[in-house]
């Protein structure tokens, strides 16, 4: 016990306790704020005076529209494997996005759009009946509308705004040391 009674050891222990308490406090408080920003991806954000629908809900809609295109394409012997796989991967990524991150969702979203564009070209060359041609047009229009809504969603700007206000000394260093996961943009 005489070891702990030494002035230098007591000072060192005090410094360690203060640093540990500071890091725990930063982790709890900053993590809560970061999660609040990230929640905007799933719940929507208030941006420029408007409540905007969540990007996650737009992504779910896009997968549904892509699945509708697959249904039509199957009637014309068009290869749908790429769109089906990309849609399934995006659905899976959405289900596990809290663990895998928003940047992973963006990559899966881009893969689906690429596959949908390729299938759209095949559908444009197919001899579709009027009902299916109208369905394709509606699905493509809906996907385009969802893409536009995602591009104008305020989520990315809310992340950037948050990062501008919290990504400075000493918060940035303390946040890193405390292991805080900062919110990710959808890009």
N, C-alpha and C. Protein backbone atom coordinates (compact mmCIF):
# COMPACT_ATOMS: atom_id res chain seq x y z
N UNK A 1 0.80 -1.20 0.00
CA UNK A 1 0.00 0.00 0.00
C UNK A 1 0.84 1.27 0.00
N UNK A 2 2.05 1.18 0.46
CA UNK A 2 2.91 2.36 0.47
C UNK A 2 3.21 2.82 -0.96
N UNK A 3 3.10 1.89 -1.90
CA UNK A 3 3.30 2.21 -3.32
C UNK A 3 2.34 3.31 -3.76
N UNK A 4 1.05 3.20 -3.35
CA UNK A 4 0.03 4.16 -3.76
C UNK A 4 0.14 5.48 -2.99
N UNK A 5 0.90 5.50 -1.92
CA UNK A 5 1.03 6.72 -1.13
C UNK A 5 2.12 7.65 -1.68
N UNK A 6 2.85 7.20 -2.64
CA UNK A 6 3.88 8.03 -3.25
C UNK A 6 3.22 9.11 -4.10
N UNK A 7 3.73 10.31 -3.97
CA UNK A 7 3.14 11.47 -4.64
C UNK A 7 3.08 11.29 -6.16
N UNK A 8 4.11 10.82 -6.79
CA UNK A 8 4.17 10.62 -8.24
C UNK A 8 3.16 9.58 -8.72
N UNK A 9 3.04 8.49 -7.98
CA UNK A 9 2.08 7.42 -8.34
C UNK A 9 0.65 7.94 -8.18
N UNK A 10 0.40 8.66 -7.11
CA UNK A 10 -0.95 9.21 -6.88
C UNK A 10 -1.32 10.18 -8.01
N UNK A 11 -0.35 11.00 -8.39
CA UNK A 11 -0.60 11.94 -9.49
C UNK A 11 -0.87 11.20 -10.79
N UNK A 12 -0.07 10.20 -11.09
CA UNK A 12 -0.24 9.41 -12.31
C UNK A 12 -1.60 8.71 -12.32
N UNK A 13 -1.99 8.12 -11.21
CA UNK A 13 -3.31 7.47 -11.13
C UNK A 13 -4.44 8.48 -11.32
N UNK A 14 -4.29 9.65 -10.74
CA UNK A 14 -5.31 10.69 -10.88
C UNK A 14 -5.44 11.10 -12.35
N UNK A 15 -4.32 11.28 -13.01
CA UNK A 15 -4.34 11.65 -14.43
C UNK A 15 -5.01 10.54 -15.25
N UNK A 16 -4.68 9.30 -14.97
CA UNK A 16 -5.29 8.17 -15.69
C UNK A 16 -6.79 8.12 -15.49
N UNK A 17 -7.25 8.34 -14.26
CA UNK A 17 -8.69 8.32 -13.97
C UNK A 17 -9.39 9.47 -14.70
N UNK A 18 -8.78 10.66 -14.69
CA UNK A 18 -9.38 11.81 -15.37
C UNK A 18 -9.46 11.56 -16.88
N UNK A 19 -8.40 11.02 -17.47
CA UNK A 19 -8.40 10.73 -18.91
C UNK A 19 -9.45 9.66 -19.23
N UNK A 20 -9.50 8.62 -18.45
CA UNK A 20 -10.48 7.55 -18.69
C UNK A 20 -11.90 8.09 -18.56
N UNK A 21 -12.16 8.89 -17.55
CA UNK A 21 -13.51 9.45 -17.36
C UNK A 21 -13.87 10.37 -18.52
N UNK A 22 -12.89 11.15 -18.99
CA UNK A 22 -13.13 12.04 -20.12
C UNK A 22 -13.46 11.25 -21.38
N UNK A 23 -12.70 10.21 -21.65
CA UNK A 23 -12.94 9.40 -22.84
C UNK A 23 -14.29 8.69 -22.78
N UNK A 24 -14.65 8.19 -21.62
CA UNK A 24 -15.96 7.54 -21.47
C UNK A 24 -17.07 8.56 -21.70
N UNK A 25 -16.92 9.74 -21.12
CA UNK A 25 -17.93 10.79 -21.30
C UNK A 25 -18.04 11.20 -22.76
N UNK A 26 -16.91 11.39 -23.43
CA UNK A 26 -16.92 11.75 -24.85
C UNK A 26 -17.58 10.65 -25.66
N UNK A 27 -17.24 9.40 -25.38
CA UNK A 27 -17.82 8.28 -26.11
C UNK A 27 -19.33 8.28 -25.97
N UNK A 28 -19.83 8.40 -24.76
CA UNK A 28 -21.27 8.34 -24.53
C UNK A 28 -21.99 9.52 -25.20
N UNK A 29 -21.51 10.72 -24.94
CA UNK A 29 -22.21 11.91 -25.45
C UNK A 29 -22.07 12.08 -26.96
N UNK A 30 -20.86 11.93 -27.48
CA UNK A 30 -20.65 12.12 -28.91
C UNK A 30 -21.27 10.97 -29.71
N UNK A 31 -21.20 9.76 -29.19
CA UNK A 31 -21.83 8.62 -29.87
C UNK A 31 -23.33 8.84 -30.00
N UNK A 32 -23.94 9.39 -28.97
CA UNK A 32 -25.38 9.65 -29.00
C UNK A 32 -25.71 10.69 -30.09
N UNK A 33 -24.90 11.73 -30.18
CA UNK A 33 -25.12 12.74 -31.22
C UNK A 33 -24.88 12.16 -32.61
N UNK A 34 -23.85 11.35 -32.76
CA UNK A 34 -23.56 10.72 -34.05
C UNK A 34 -24.70 9.80 -34.46
N UNK A 35 -25.21 9.04 -33.52
CA UNK A 35 -26.32 8.14 -33.81
C UNK A 35 -27.56 8.91 -34.23
N UNK A 36 -27.77 10.04 -33.61
CA UNK A 36 -28.92 10.89 -33.96
C UNK A 36 -28.82 11.34 -35.42
N UNK A 37 -27.63 11.71 -35.85
CA UNK A 37 -27.42 12.11 -37.25
C UNK A 37 -27.64 10.91 -38.17
N UNK A 38 -27.06 9.77 -37.82
CA UNK A 38 -27.19 8.56 -38.64
C UNK A 38 -28.65 8.11 -38.72
N UNK A 39 -29.40 8.31 -37.65
CA UNK A 39 -30.82 7.93 -37.66
C UNK A 39 -31.59 8.64 -38.77
N UNK A 40 -31.11 9.80 -39.18
CA UNK A 40 -31.75 10.52 -40.27
C UNK A 40 -31.76 9.72 -41.57
N UNK A 41 -30.79 8.83 -41.73
CA UNK A 41 -30.76 7.97 -42.91
C UNK A 41 -31.95 7.03 -42.92
N UNK A 42 -32.35 6.58 -41.75
CA UNK A 42 -33.43 5.60 -41.61
C UNK A 42 -34.79 6.24 -41.34
N UNK A 43 -34.79 7.42 -40.74
CA UNK A 43 -36.05 8.04 -40.32
C UNK A 43 -36.40 9.29 -41.10
N UNK A 44 -35.48 9.79 -41.91
CA UNK A 44 -35.70 11.03 -42.63
C UNK A 44 -35.12 12.20 -41.83
N UNK A 45 -34.97 13.32 -42.50
CA UNK A 45 -34.37 14.49 -41.86
C UNK A 45 -35.21 15.72 -42.11
N UNK A 46 -35.04 16.68 -41.23
CA UNK A 46 -35.62 18.01 -41.41
C UNK A 46 -34.52 18.83 -42.06
N UNK A 47 -34.75 19.28 -43.30
CA UNK A 47 -33.73 20.00 -44.03
C UNK A 47 -34.37 21.11 -44.85
N UNK A 48 -33.80 22.30 -44.75
CA UNK A 48 -34.33 23.49 -45.44
C UNK A 48 -35.81 23.71 -45.16
N UNK A 49 -36.21 23.42 -43.94
CA UNK A 49 -37.59 23.65 -43.55
C UNK A 49 -38.57 22.56 -43.96
N UNK A 50 -38.08 21.49 -44.56
CA UNK A 50 -38.95 20.40 -45.01
C UNK A 50 -38.54 19.09 -44.36
N UNK A 51 -39.51 18.28 -44.05
CA UNK A 51 -39.22 16.94 -43.58
C UNK A 51 -39.07 16.07 -44.82
N UNK A 52 -37.92 15.44 -44.94
CA UNK A 52 -37.65 14.63 -46.12
C UNK A 52 -37.66 13.16 -45.75
N UNK A 53 -38.24 12.39 -46.64
CA UNK A 53 -38.33 10.95 -46.46
C UNK A 53 -36.93 10.34 -46.37
N UNK A 54 -36.82 9.27 -45.64
CA UNK A 54 -35.51 8.65 -45.43
C UNK A 54 -34.96 8.02 -46.71
N UNK A 55 -33.64 8.02 -46.80
CA UNK A 55 -32.99 7.37 -47.93
C UNK A 55 -33.24 5.87 -47.87
N UNK A 56 -33.26 5.31 -46.68
CA UNK A 56 -33.51 3.87 -46.53
C UNK A 56 -34.85 3.48 -47.13
N UNK A 57 -35.87 4.30 -46.93
CA UNK A 57 -37.18 3.96 -47.50
C UNK A 57 -37.17 4.06 -49.03
N UNK A 58 -36.41 5.01 -49.57
CA UNK A 58 -36.28 5.10 -51.02
C UNK A 58 -35.56 3.86 -51.57
N UNK A 59 -34.54 3.40 -50.86
CA UNK A 59 -33.82 2.21 -51.30
C UNK A 59 -34.72 0.98 -51.29
N UNK A 60 -35.56 0.86 -50.27
CA UNK A 60 -36.51 -0.26 -50.22
C UNK A 60 -37.47 -0.19 -51.41
N UNK A 61 -37.92 1.01 -51.73
CA UNK A 61 -38.82 1.18 -52.88
C UNK A 61 -38.11 0.81 -54.18
N UNK A 62 -36.86 1.22 -54.32
CA UNK A 62 -36.11 0.91 -55.54
C UNK A 62 -35.97 -0.60 -55.71
N UNK A 63 -35.73 -1.33 -54.62
CA UNK A 63 -35.63 -2.79 -54.74
C UNK A 63 -36.97 -3.38 -55.17
N UNK A 64 -38.05 -2.82 -54.67
CA UNK A 64 -39.38 -3.30 -55.08
C UNK A 64 -39.63 -3.03 -56.56
N UNK A 65 -39.25 -1.85 -57.03
CA UNK A 65 -39.43 -1.52 -58.45
C UNK A 65 -38.56 -2.41 -59.32
N UNK A 66 -37.33 -2.67 -58.87
CA UNK A 66 -36.44 -3.56 -59.62
C UNK A 66 -37.02 -4.97 -59.69
N UNK A 67 -37.61 -5.42 -58.59
CA UNK A 67 -38.26 -6.74 -58.59
C UNK A 67 -39.44 -6.78 -59.57
N UNK A 68 -40.15 -5.66 -59.69
CA UNK A 68 -41.23 -5.58 -60.67
C UNK A 68 -40.71 -5.68 -62.09
N UNK A 69 -39.59 -5.04 -62.35
CA UNK A 69 -38.97 -5.14 -63.68
C UNK A 69 -38.55 -6.58 -63.97
N UNK A 70 -38.05 -7.26 -62.95
CA UNK A 70 -37.65 -8.66 -63.12
C UNK A 70 -38.84 -9.51 -63.51
N UNK A 71 -39.97 -9.26 -62.88
CA UNK A 71 -41.18 -10.02 -63.20
C UNK A 71 -41.56 -9.85 -64.67
N UNK A 72 -41.50 -8.63 -65.15
CA UNK A 72 -41.84 -8.39 -66.56
C UNK A 72 -40.78 -9.02 -67.47
N UNK A 73 -39.51 -8.83 -67.14
CA UNK A 73 -38.43 -9.35 -67.98
C UNK A 73 -38.48 -10.87 -68.09
N UNK A 74 -38.91 -11.54 -67.04
CA UNK A 74 -39.02 -13.00 -67.07
C UNK A 74 -40.03 -13.47 -68.12
N UNK A 75 -41.01 -12.63 -68.44
CA UNK A 75 -42.00 -12.98 -69.47
C UNK A 75 -41.40 -12.97 -70.87
N UNK A 76 -40.21 -12.39 -71.02
CA UNK A 76 -39.61 -12.23 -72.34
C UNK A 76 -38.23 -12.91 -72.42
N UNK A 77 -37.98 -13.84 -71.55
CA UNK A 77 -36.72 -14.60 -71.53
C UNK A 77 -35.48 -13.70 -71.49
N UNK A 78 -35.59 -12.63 -70.74
CA UNK A 78 -34.45 -11.73 -70.54
C UNK A 78 -33.74 -12.18 -69.27
N UNK A 79 -32.42 -12.21 -69.33
CA UNK A 79 -31.62 -12.62 -68.18
C UNK A 79 -31.79 -11.60 -67.05
N UNK A 80 -32.30 -12.07 -65.93
CA UNK A 80 -32.58 -11.18 -64.80
C UNK A 80 -31.67 -11.44 -63.59
N UNK A 81 -30.73 -12.35 -63.75
CA UNK A 81 -29.91 -12.76 -62.61
C UNK A 81 -29.16 -11.59 -61.96
N UNK A 82 -28.59 -10.71 -62.77
CA UNK A 82 -27.82 -9.59 -62.21
C UNK A 82 -28.70 -8.67 -61.37
N UNK A 83 -29.90 -8.36 -61.87
CA UNK A 83 -30.80 -7.48 -61.12
C UNK A 83 -31.30 -8.18 -59.86
N UNK A 84 -31.66 -9.45 -59.99
CA UNK A 84 -32.13 -10.19 -58.82
C UNK A 84 -31.05 -10.25 -57.74
N UNK A 85 -29.83 -10.56 -58.15
CA UNK A 85 -28.73 -10.63 -57.17
C UNK A 85 -28.46 -9.28 -56.54
N UNK A 86 -28.39 -8.24 -57.35
CA UNK A 86 -28.12 -6.90 -56.82
C UNK A 86 -29.24 -6.43 -55.89
N UNK A 87 -30.48 -6.75 -56.26
CA UNK A 87 -31.61 -6.39 -55.40
C UNK A 87 -31.54 -7.14 -54.07
N UNK A 88 -31.23 -8.42 -54.13
CA UNK A 88 -31.10 -9.21 -52.90
C UNK A 88 -29.96 -8.69 -52.02
N UNK A 89 -28.84 -8.33 -52.64
CA UNK A 89 -27.72 -7.81 -51.88
C UNK A 89 -28.07 -6.50 -51.21
N UNK A 90 -28.79 -5.63 -51.93
CA UNK A 90 -29.19 -4.35 -51.34
C UNK A 90 -30.18 -4.57 -50.20
N UNK A 91 -31.12 -5.48 -50.39
CA UNK A 91 -32.06 -5.78 -49.30
C UNK A 91 -31.32 -6.30 -48.08
N UNK A 92 -30.36 -7.18 -48.30
CA UNK A 92 -29.57 -7.73 -47.20
C UNK A 92 -28.75 -6.62 -46.53
N UNK A 93 -28.15 -5.77 -47.34
CA UNK A 93 -27.36 -4.67 -46.79
C UNK A 93 -28.23 -3.73 -45.97
N UNK A 94 -29.46 -3.50 -46.42
CA UNK A 94 -30.39 -2.67 -45.64
C UNK A 94 -30.73 -3.32 -44.31
N UNK A 95 -30.91 -4.63 -44.32
CA UNK A 95 -31.25 -5.34 -43.09
C UNK A 95 -30.11 -5.28 -42.08
N UNK A 96 -28.88 -5.24 -42.57
CA UNK A 96 -27.72 -5.25 -41.68
C UNK A 96 -26.90 -3.97 -41.77
N UNK A 97 -27.52 -2.88 -42.18
CA UNK A 97 -26.77 -1.65 -42.42
C UNK A 97 -26.18 -1.07 -41.15
N UNK A 98 -26.79 -1.32 -40.00
CA UNK A 98 -26.23 -0.79 -38.76
C UNK A 98 -24.84 -1.39 -38.51
N UNK A 99 -24.65 -2.65 -38.91
CA UNK A 99 -23.35 -3.28 -38.70
C UNK A 99 -22.38 -3.00 -39.84
N UNK A 100 -22.88 -2.92 -41.07
CA UNK A 100 -22.00 -2.82 -42.24
C UNK A 100 -21.74 -1.39 -42.69
N UNK A 101 -22.55 -0.46 -42.27
CA UNK A 101 -22.33 0.93 -42.61
C UNK A 101 -23.07 1.40 -43.85
N UNK A 102 -23.23 2.70 -43.89
CA UNK A 102 -23.98 3.34 -44.97
C UNK A 102 -23.19 3.34 -46.27
N UNK A 103 -21.87 3.39 -46.20
CA UNK A 103 -21.07 3.37 -47.43
C UNK A 103 -21.24 2.03 -48.16
N UNK A 104 -21.44 0.95 -47.42
CA UNK A 104 -21.71 -0.35 -48.04
C UNK A 104 -23.05 -0.31 -48.77
N UNK A 105 -24.04 0.34 -48.17
CA UNK A 105 -25.34 0.48 -48.82
C UNK A 105 -25.20 1.23 -50.13
N UNK A 106 -24.38 2.25 -50.14
CA UNK A 106 -24.20 3.03 -51.36
C UNK A 106 -23.61 2.17 -52.48
N UNK A 107 -22.63 1.35 -52.15
CA UNK A 107 -22.03 0.46 -53.17
C UNK A 107 -23.07 -0.51 -53.71
N UNK A 108 -23.90 -1.07 -52.85
CA UNK A 108 -24.93 -2.01 -53.29
C UNK A 108 -25.99 -1.30 -54.13
N UNK A 109 -26.33 -0.09 -53.76
CA UNK A 109 -27.28 0.74 -54.51
C UNK A 109 -26.75 0.99 -55.92
N UNK A 110 -25.47 1.35 -56.03
CA UNK A 110 -24.87 1.60 -57.34
C UNK A 110 -24.85 0.33 -58.19
N UNK A 111 -24.58 -0.80 -57.56
CA UNK A 111 -24.59 -2.08 -58.29
C UNK A 111 -25.97 -2.38 -58.84
N UNK A 112 -26.99 -2.13 -58.03
CA UNK A 112 -28.37 -2.38 -58.49
C UNK A 112 -28.72 -1.45 -59.65
N UNK A 113 -28.36 -0.19 -59.54
CA UNK A 113 -28.68 0.75 -60.63
C UNK A 113 -28.00 0.33 -61.93
N UNK A 114 -26.76 -0.12 -61.83
CA UNK A 114 -26.04 -0.57 -63.02
C UNK A 114 -26.74 -1.78 -63.65
N UNK A 115 -27.16 -2.73 -62.82
CA UNK A 115 -27.85 -3.91 -63.33
C UNK A 115 -29.21 -3.55 -63.92
N UNK A 116 -29.92 -2.63 -63.27
CA UNK A 116 -31.23 -2.19 -63.78
C UNK A 116 -31.06 -1.50 -65.12
N UNK A 117 -30.04 -0.66 -65.27
CA UNK A 117 -29.81 0.03 -66.54
C UNK A 117 -29.53 -0.96 -67.67
N UNK A 118 -28.76 -1.99 -67.37
CA UNK A 118 -28.48 -3.01 -68.39
C UNK A 118 -29.76 -3.76 -68.78
N UNK A 119 -30.57 -4.09 -67.79
CA UNK A 119 -31.82 -4.80 -68.09
C UNK A 119 -32.80 -3.87 -68.81
N UNK A 120 -32.78 -2.60 -68.48
CA UNK A 120 -33.65 -1.63 -69.15
C UNK A 120 -33.33 -1.59 -70.65
N UNK A 121 -32.05 -1.65 -70.99
CA UNK A 121 -31.65 -1.67 -72.39
C UNK A 121 -32.20 -2.92 -73.09
N UNK A 122 -32.14 -4.06 -72.42
CA UNK A 122 -32.67 -5.30 -73.00
C UNK A 122 -34.20 -5.21 -73.15
N UNK A 123 -34.86 -4.64 -72.17
CA UNK A 123 -36.32 -4.50 -72.25
C UNK A 123 -36.71 -3.54 -73.38
N UNK A 124 -35.90 -2.52 -73.61
CA UNK A 124 -36.19 -1.56 -74.68
C UNK A 124 -36.11 -2.23 -76.05
N UNK A 125 -35.26 -3.25 -76.19
CA UNK A 125 -35.12 -3.95 -77.46
C UNK A 125 -36.14 -5.09 -77.61
N UNK A 126 -36.79 -5.46 -76.52
CA UNK A 126 -37.76 -6.57 -76.57
C UNK A 126 -39.08 -6.07 -77.15
N UNK A 127 -39.82 -6.99 -77.72
CA UNK A 127 -41.14 -6.68 -78.28
C UNK A 127 -42.19 -6.86 -77.17
N UNK A 128 -42.32 -5.82 -76.32
CA UNK A 128 -43.21 -5.88 -75.17
C UNK A 128 -44.64 -5.59 -75.59
N UNK A 129 -45.58 -6.28 -74.95
CA UNK A 129 -46.98 -5.90 -75.20
C UNK A 129 -47.25 -4.58 -74.49
N UNK A 130 -48.36 -3.95 -74.78
CA UNK A 130 -48.67 -2.61 -74.28
C UNK A 130 -48.68 -2.54 -72.75
N UNK A 131 -49.26 -3.56 -72.13
CA UNK A 131 -49.36 -3.58 -70.66
C UNK A 131 -47.97 -3.65 -70.02
N UNK A 132 -47.12 -4.54 -70.55
CA UNK A 132 -45.78 -4.68 -70.00
C UNK A 132 -44.93 -3.44 -70.30
N UNK A 133 -45.08 -2.87 -71.48
CA UNK A 133 -44.34 -1.65 -71.83
C UNK A 133 -44.71 -0.52 -70.87
N UNK A 134 -45.98 -0.41 -70.54
CA UNK A 134 -46.44 0.59 -69.59
C UNK A 134 -45.86 0.31 -68.20
N UNK A 135 -45.84 -0.95 -67.81
CA UNK A 135 -45.28 -1.34 -66.51
C UNK A 135 -43.80 -1.00 -66.41
N UNK A 136 -43.06 -1.31 -67.47
CA UNK A 136 -41.63 -0.99 -67.48
C UNK A 136 -41.43 0.51 -67.35
N UNK A 137 -42.21 1.27 -68.12
CA UNK A 137 -42.12 2.72 -68.06
C UNK A 137 -42.40 3.25 -66.65
N UNK A 138 -43.41 2.69 -66.00
CA UNK A 138 -43.75 3.13 -64.64
C UNK A 138 -42.65 2.76 -63.64
N UNK A 139 -42.12 1.55 -63.74
CA UNK A 139 -41.06 1.14 -62.83
C UNK A 139 -39.81 1.99 -63.01
N UNK A 140 -39.43 2.22 -64.26
CA UNK A 140 -38.24 3.03 -64.54
C UNK A 140 -38.46 4.46 -64.05
N UNK A 141 -39.63 4.99 -64.29
CA UNK A 141 -39.96 6.34 -63.82
C UNK A 141 -39.91 6.41 -62.30
N UNK A 142 -40.39 5.38 -61.63
CA UNK A 142 -40.38 5.34 -60.17
C UNK A 142 -38.95 5.25 -59.63
N UNK A 143 -38.12 4.45 -60.29
CA UNK A 143 -36.71 4.34 -59.88
C UNK A 143 -36.01 5.69 -60.07
N UNK A 144 -36.26 6.33 -61.20
CA UNK A 144 -35.66 7.63 -61.48
C UNK A 144 -36.11 8.66 -60.45
N UNK A 145 -37.39 8.63 -60.10
CA UNK A 145 -37.92 9.54 -59.08
C UNK A 145 -37.28 9.30 -57.72
N UNK A 146 -37.11 8.04 -57.36
CA UNK A 146 -36.46 7.71 -56.08
C UNK A 146 -35.00 8.15 -56.09
N UNK A 147 -34.32 7.95 -57.23
CA UNK A 147 -32.92 8.40 -57.35
C UNK A 147 -32.84 9.91 -57.14
N UNK A 148 -33.75 10.63 -57.75
CA UNK A 148 -33.76 12.08 -57.62
C UNK A 148 -34.02 12.50 -56.17
N UNK A 149 -34.93 11.81 -55.52
CA UNK A 149 -35.23 12.10 -54.11
C UNK A 149 -34.02 11.82 -53.23
N UNK A 150 -33.30 10.76 -53.53
CA UNK A 150 -32.10 10.42 -52.76
C UNK A 150 -31.04 11.50 -52.95
N UNK A 151 -30.86 11.94 -54.20
CA UNK A 151 -29.85 12.96 -54.49
C UNK A 151 -30.16 14.29 -53.80
N UNK A 152 -31.43 14.61 -53.64
CA UNK A 152 -31.79 15.89 -53.03
C UNK A 152 -32.12 15.75 -51.54
N UNK A 153 -32.03 14.54 -51.01
CA UNK A 153 -32.31 14.34 -49.59
C UNK A 153 -31.30 15.12 -48.76
N UNK A 154 -31.73 15.61 -47.64
CA UNK A 154 -30.87 16.42 -46.79
C UNK A 154 -29.95 15.62 -45.89
N UNK A 155 -29.98 14.30 -45.99
CA UNK A 155 -29.18 13.48 -45.08
C UNK A 155 -27.68 13.78 -45.22
N UNK A 156 -27.16 13.75 -46.44
CA UNK A 156 -25.72 13.99 -46.63
C UNK A 156 -25.32 15.37 -46.11
N UNK A 157 -26.16 16.36 -46.36
CA UNK A 157 -25.85 17.70 -45.87
C UNK A 157 -25.90 17.74 -44.35
N UNK A 158 -26.82 17.00 -43.74
CA UNK A 158 -26.87 16.97 -42.27
C UNK A 158 -25.60 16.33 -41.70
N UNK A 159 -25.07 15.33 -42.38
CA UNK A 159 -23.81 14.71 -41.95
C UNK A 159 -22.66 15.71 -42.10
N UNK A 160 -22.60 16.37 -43.23
CA UNK A 160 -21.53 17.35 -43.45
C UNK A 160 -21.59 18.49 -42.43
N UNK A 161 -22.80 18.96 -42.16
CA UNK A 161 -22.98 20.02 -41.18
C UNK A 161 -22.52 19.56 -39.79
N UNK A 162 -22.89 18.35 -39.43
CA UNK A 162 -22.46 17.79 -38.16
C UNK A 162 -20.93 17.69 -38.11
N UNK A 163 -20.34 17.19 -39.17
CA UNK A 163 -18.89 17.01 -39.20
C UNK A 163 -18.17 18.37 -39.13
N UNK A 164 -18.71 19.39 -39.78
CA UNK A 164 -18.10 20.72 -39.70
C UNK A 164 -18.10 21.23 -38.26
N UNK A 165 -19.16 20.94 -37.53
CA UNK A 165 -19.25 21.46 -36.18
C UNK A 165 -18.50 20.62 -35.15
N UNK A 166 -18.28 19.34 -35.42
CA UNK A 166 -17.63 18.48 -34.43
C UNK A 166 -16.25 17.99 -34.85
N UNK A 167 -15.86 18.23 -36.07
CA UNK A 167 -14.57 17.75 -36.52
C UNK A 167 -13.50 18.82 -36.35
N UNK A 168 -13.28 19.21 -35.09
CA UNK A 168 -12.24 20.18 -34.77
C UNK A 168 -11.67 19.86 -33.40
N UNK A 169 -10.52 20.43 -33.15
CA UNK A 169 -9.83 20.17 -31.90
C UNK A 169 -10.64 20.70 -30.73
N UNK A 170 -10.74 20.03 -29.63
CA UNK A 170 -10.20 18.73 -29.25
C UNK A 170 -11.17 17.58 -29.51
N UNK A 171 -12.38 17.93 -29.99
CA UNK A 171 -13.41 16.90 -30.16
C UNK A 171 -12.96 15.81 -31.11
N UNK A 172 -12.32 16.18 -32.21
CA UNK A 172 -11.91 15.17 -33.18
C UNK A 172 -10.91 14.19 -32.58
N UNK A 173 -9.97 14.69 -31.80
CA UNK A 173 -8.97 13.80 -31.19
C UNK A 173 -9.60 12.95 -30.10
N UNK A 174 -10.38 13.59 -29.24
CA UNK A 174 -11.03 12.83 -28.17
C UNK A 174 -12.00 11.80 -28.72
N UNK A 175 -12.72 12.17 -29.77
CA UNK A 175 -13.65 11.22 -30.39
C UNK A 175 -12.93 10.01 -30.96
N UNK A 176 -11.80 10.25 -31.59
CA UNK A 176 -11.01 9.15 -32.14
C UNK A 176 -10.48 8.26 -31.03
N UNK A 177 -9.92 8.88 -30.00
CA UNK A 177 -9.39 8.11 -28.87
C UNK A 177 -10.49 7.33 -28.14
N UNK A 178 -11.70 7.89 -28.11
CA UNK A 178 -12.82 7.24 -27.41
C UNK A 178 -13.50 6.18 -28.28
N UNK A 179 -13.10 6.07 -29.55
CA UNK A 179 -13.67 5.06 -30.42
C UNK A 179 -15.05 5.39 -30.96
N UNK A 180 -15.35 6.67 -31.09
CA UNK A 180 -16.66 7.08 -31.59
C UNK A 180 -16.73 6.88 -33.10
N UNK A 181 -17.81 6.27 -33.57
CA UNK A 181 -18.03 6.11 -35.01
C UNK A 181 -18.81 7.29 -35.52
N UNK A 182 -18.17 8.07 -36.36
CA UNK A 182 -18.81 9.27 -36.91
C UNK A 182 -19.80 8.85 -37.98
N UNK A 183 -20.84 9.66 -38.21
CA UNK A 183 -21.82 9.30 -39.24
C UNK A 183 -21.20 9.33 -40.63
N UNK A 184 -21.73 8.49 -41.51
CA UNK A 184 -21.23 8.38 -42.89
C UNK A 184 -22.21 9.03 -43.85
N UNK A 185 -21.67 9.65 -44.88
CA UNK A 185 -22.51 10.15 -45.97
C UNK A 185 -22.92 8.98 -46.86
N UNK A 186 -24.03 9.15 -47.54
CA UNK A 186 -24.48 8.16 -48.52
C UNK A 186 -23.96 8.59 -49.87
N UNK A 187 -22.69 8.25 -50.13
CA UNK A 187 -22.05 8.59 -51.40
C UNK A 187 -20.85 7.73 -51.62
